[in-house]
Protein backbone atom coordinates (compact mmCIF):
# COMPACT_ATOMS: atom_id res chain seq x y z
CA MET A 1 0.00 0.00 0.00
CA ALA A 2 1.49 3.32 -1.03
CA GLY A 3 1.50 6.58 0.82
CA GLY A 4 1.74 5.23 4.34
CA ALA A 5 3.85 8.10 5.61
CA CYS A 6 1.33 10.68 4.42
CA VAL A 7 -1.52 9.19 6.45
CA LEU A 8 0.57 8.93 9.59
CA ALA A 9 2.33 12.25 9.30
CA GLY A 10 -1.00 13.98 8.96
CA ALA A 11 -2.55 12.40 12.03
CA VAL A 12 -3.63 14.85 14.70
CA ALA A 13 -5.34 12.37 17.01
CA HIS A 14 -4.51 8.90 18.19
CA GLY A 15 -6.33 5.66 18.72
CA VAL A 16 -8.27 3.20 16.62
CA SER A 17 -10.54 4.51 13.87
CA ASP A 18 -12.29 3.27 10.74
CA THR A 19 -9.17 4.14 8.78
CA GLY A 20 -6.83 2.27 11.09
CA ILE A 21 -4.62 3.26 13.98
CA GLU A 22 -3.49 6.85 13.78
CA LEU A 23 -0.30 7.95 15.49
CA PRO A 24 0.09 11.45 16.97
CA VAL A 25 2.37 13.78 15.05
CA ASP A 26 4.77 14.07 18.00
CA VAL A 27 5.11 10.27 18.12
CA VAL A 28 5.74 10.00 14.37
CA SER A 29 8.43 12.68 14.64
CA ARG A 30 10.29 10.67 17.31
CA LEU A 31 10.28 7.30 15.55
CA GLU A 32 13.63 5.71 14.73
CA ALA A 33 14.61 2.78 12.57
CA GLY A 34 14.93 -0.27 14.79
CA ASP A 35 11.96 0.60 17.02
CA LEU A 36 9.72 -2.39 17.72
CA VAL A 37 6.03 -2.10 16.85
CA PHE A 38 3.69 -4.56 18.57
CA ARG A 39 0.11 -4.92 17.42
CA ILE A 40 -3.07 -6.46 18.77
CA GLY A 41 -4.02 -8.60 15.81
CA SER A 42 -7.50 -9.61 14.76
CA GLY A 43 -6.89 -12.75 12.70
CA TRP A 44 -7.05 -16.42 13.65
CA GLN A 45 -3.27 -16.52 14.00
CA SER A 46 -3.48 -13.85 16.69
CA GLU A 47 -6.08 -15.87 18.58
CA ILE A 48 -3.75 -18.89 18.55
CA VAL A 49 -0.87 -16.83 19.94
CA ARG A 50 -3.07 -15.36 22.65
CA GLY A 51 -4.44 -18.80 23.47
CA VAL A 52 -0.94 -20.18 24.00
CA ALA A 53 -0.07 -17.16 26.15
CA ARG A 54 -3.18 -17.58 28.30
CA GLU A 55 -2.01 -21.07 29.23
CA ARG A 56 0.85 -19.40 31.09
CA ARG A 57 -0.53 -17.66 34.17
CA GLU A 58 1.86 -14.73 34.08
CA LYS A 59 0.67 -13.76 30.60
CA GLN A 60 -3.07 -13.72 31.08
CA GLY A 61 -4.62 -10.59 29.70
CA ASP A 62 -1.75 -9.56 27.39
CA PRO A 63 -3.43 -8.93 24.03
CA TYR A 64 -0.37 -8.33 21.82
CA SER A 65 0.20 -11.10 19.32
CA HIS A 66 2.63 -9.77 16.70
CA VAL A 67 5.72 -7.57 16.36
CA GLY A 68 7.82 -6.04 13.62
CA MET A 69 10.82 -3.73 13.29
CA LEU A 70 10.53 -0.19 11.98
CA VAL A 71 12.70 0.37 8.89
CA GLY A 72 12.93 3.03 6.21
CA SER A 73 12.91 6.75 6.93
CA PRO A 74 10.64 9.48 8.35
CA THR A 75 9.29 10.12 4.84
CA HIS A 76 8.35 6.46 4.36
CA TRP A 77 8.25 4.27 7.46
CA GLN A 78 7.85 0.54 6.91
CA ILE A 79 7.64 -2.55 9.09
CA LEU A 80 9.85 -5.59 8.57
CA HIS A 81 8.16 -8.64 10.07
CA ALA A 82 7.95 -12.43 9.81
CA VAL A 83 4.33 -13.32 9.15
CA PRO A 84 1.95 -15.77 7.47
CA ALA A 85 0.86 -14.26 4.15
CA GLU A 86 -1.48 -11.27 4.61
CA ILE A 87 -1.80 -10.70 0.85
CA PRO A 88 -3.15 -13.39 -1.49
CA GLY A 89 -0.33 -14.98 -3.45
CA ARG A 90 2.43 -13.84 -1.12
CA ALA A 91 4.49 -16.47 0.66
CA ASP A 92 4.68 -16.91 4.44
CA ALA A 93 7.94 -15.04 4.95
CA VAL A 94 9.85 -12.09 6.30
CA VAL A 95 8.29 -9.15 4.46
CA ARG A 96 8.38 -5.37 4.42
CA ASP A 97 5.06 -3.50 4.58
CA ASP A 98 4.13 0.15 4.86
CA LEU A 99 3.33 1.17 8.41
CA ASP A 100 -0.26 2.08 7.58
CA PHE A 101 -0.78 -1.39 6.04
CA PHE A 102 0.57 -2.97 9.24
CA LEU A 103 -1.84 -0.89 11.33
CA ALA A 104 -4.84 -1.09 8.98
CA PRO A 105 -8.34 -2.15 10.07
CA GLY A 106 -8.67 -5.91 10.08
CA ARG A 107 -5.00 -6.32 10.99
CA ALA A 108 -4.55 -4.20 14.08
CA GLN A 109 -6.85 -3.37 16.97
CA GLY A 110 -4.14 -1.71 19.05
CA VAL A 111 -0.45 -0.81 18.94
CA ALA A 112 2.50 -0.36 21.27
CA ILE A 113 5.85 1.05 20.15
CA TYR A 114 9.06 0.32 22.05
CA ARG A 115 12.59 1.74 21.85
CA VAL A 116 15.85 -0.14 22.35
CA ALA A 117 18.56 2.00 23.94
CA ALA A 118 21.44 1.95 21.44
CA ASP A 119 23.77 4.29 19.59
CA ALA A 120 23.35 5.00 15.88
CA ALA A 121 25.92 2.44 14.71
CA THR A 122 24.38 -0.35 16.80
CA ARG A 123 20.89 0.57 15.64
CA THR A 124 22.05 0.47 12.01
CA ALA A 125 23.63 -2.95 12.55
CA ALA A 126 20.38 -4.35 13.96
CA VAL A 127 18.30 -2.94 11.11
CA ASP A 128 20.76 -4.17 8.47
CA TYR A 129 20.70 -7.69 9.91
CA ALA A 130 16.90 -7.74 9.90
CA LEU A 131 16.78 -6.49 6.31
CA GLN A 132 19.11 -9.30 5.26
CA ARG A 133 16.42 -11.76 6.41
CA LEU A 134 13.92 -10.33 3.91
CA GLY A 135 12.27 -13.20 2.03
CA MET A 136 13.27 -15.84 4.57
CA PRO A 137 10.42 -18.36 5.04
CA PHE A 138 8.18 -17.86 8.06
CA ARG A 139 8.28 -20.89 10.36
CA ILE A 140 7.47 -21.30 14.04
CA VAL A 141 10.45 -23.36 15.15
CA GLU A 142 11.34 -24.38 18.69
CA ASN A 143 14.56 -22.93 20.10
CA ASP A 144 14.75 -20.61 17.07
CA GLN A 145 18.01 -18.70 16.97
CA GLU A 146 17.77 -17.51 13.37
CA GLY A 147 14.57 -15.45 13.29
CA GLN A 148 11.93 -17.47 11.51
CA TYR A 149 8.94 -16.00 13.34
CA CYS A 150 8.08 -12.49 14.40
CA THR A 151 9.61 -12.21 17.86
CA THR A 152 12.81 -14.09 17.07
CA LEU A 153 13.39 -12.03 13.93
CA VAL A 154 13.66 -8.77 15.87
CA TRP A 155 15.28 -10.36 18.94
CA ARG A 156 17.99 -11.94 16.79
CA ALA A 157 18.61 -8.69 14.92
CA TRP A 158 19.40 -6.84 18.15
CA GLN A 159 21.35 -9.83 19.48
CA HIS A 160 23.48 -9.80 16.33
CA ALA A 161 24.15 -6.07 16.88
CA GLY A 162 25.45 -6.86 20.37
CA VAL A 163 22.38 -5.88 22.40
CA ASP A 164 20.88 -8.37 24.84
CA LEU A 165 17.25 -7.32 25.29
CA GLY A 166 16.89 -9.60 28.30
CA ALA A 167 13.96 -11.49 26.71
CA ARG A 168 13.55 -15.07 27.87
CA PHE A 169 12.34 -18.03 25.86
CA LYS A 170 9.62 -20.07 27.59
CA TYR A 171 9.07 -23.81 27.47
CA LEU A 172 5.72 -24.69 25.91
CA GLU A 173 4.06 -28.10 25.81
CA ILE A 174 3.02 -27.96 22.16
CA PRO A 175 1.96 -31.33 20.71
CA LEU A 176 4.77 -32.72 18.51
CA ALA A 177 6.77 -29.49 18.93
CA ALA A 178 7.37 -28.96 22.65
CA GLY A 179 10.28 -26.63 23.28
CA ASP A 180 11.42 -23.11 24.09
CA TYR A 181 9.64 -20.26 22.32
CA LEU A 182 9.76 -16.46 22.49
CA LEU A 183 6.22 -15.17 23.01
CA PRO A 184 5.29 -11.55 22.27
CA HIS A 185 4.67 -10.90 25.97
CA SER A 186 8.15 -12.11 26.92
CA LEU A 187 9.72 -9.78 24.37
CA ARG A 188 7.46 -6.80 25.08
CA THR A 189 8.21 -6.90 28.82
CA ALA A 190 11.95 -7.49 28.40
CA PRO A 191 14.11 -5.05 30.41
CA GLY A 192 15.89 -3.85 27.29
CA LEU A 193 12.76 -2.19 25.87
CA ARG A 194 11.24 1.19 26.76
CA LEU A 195 7.64 2.07 25.88
CA LEU A 196 7.29 5.08 23.56
CA PHE A 197 3.60 4.98 22.75
CA GLU A 198 0.55 2.78 23.22
CA ALA A 199 -2.96 2.87 21.78
CA PRO A 200 -4.68 -0.20 23.21
CA ALA A 201 -7.76 -1.71 21.63
CA GLU A 202 -10.99 0.12 22.38
CA LYS A 203 -13.43 -1.79 24.57
């Protein structure tokens, strides 16, 4: 979808609307490449993620089910994320979408943006690593150290740049695939992240 920066840069209010999630102008002006954008998804995949999280007591009530990394520039912000195909004919893979597409109705009911404390060179290294994964197949793999699903993609990018976010993988009893996984809640509440902005889903 073209023109994502225009919609966001022109926003004067925030929250969820019929046209998607609008970010305040002062938030848009402070965004940096490498910021992590979590969304409250509305698809069946999001319900699965939330269902797995609810099985762990400490994660009950956390609605966020997906995350991507901000890339591009202030004139054209995009999200790099590992995701099952959201466009007919596109493969399940690491893809790059305009920010307004990522936050469009039907995909996002809420958003939270987090900052990793890092200097410019480290931030560039994390973004460059993530961009190198573009096109890599999306797969939910136990003990994933390469970045084949959304949380491990961004976690690994910062790890590669030398930043330990402090996120912890959790053991899940998944039939035929039990192992350690990085859930969105575990990443979002990691000590290495600082909240910049949140527009939770409207009740």
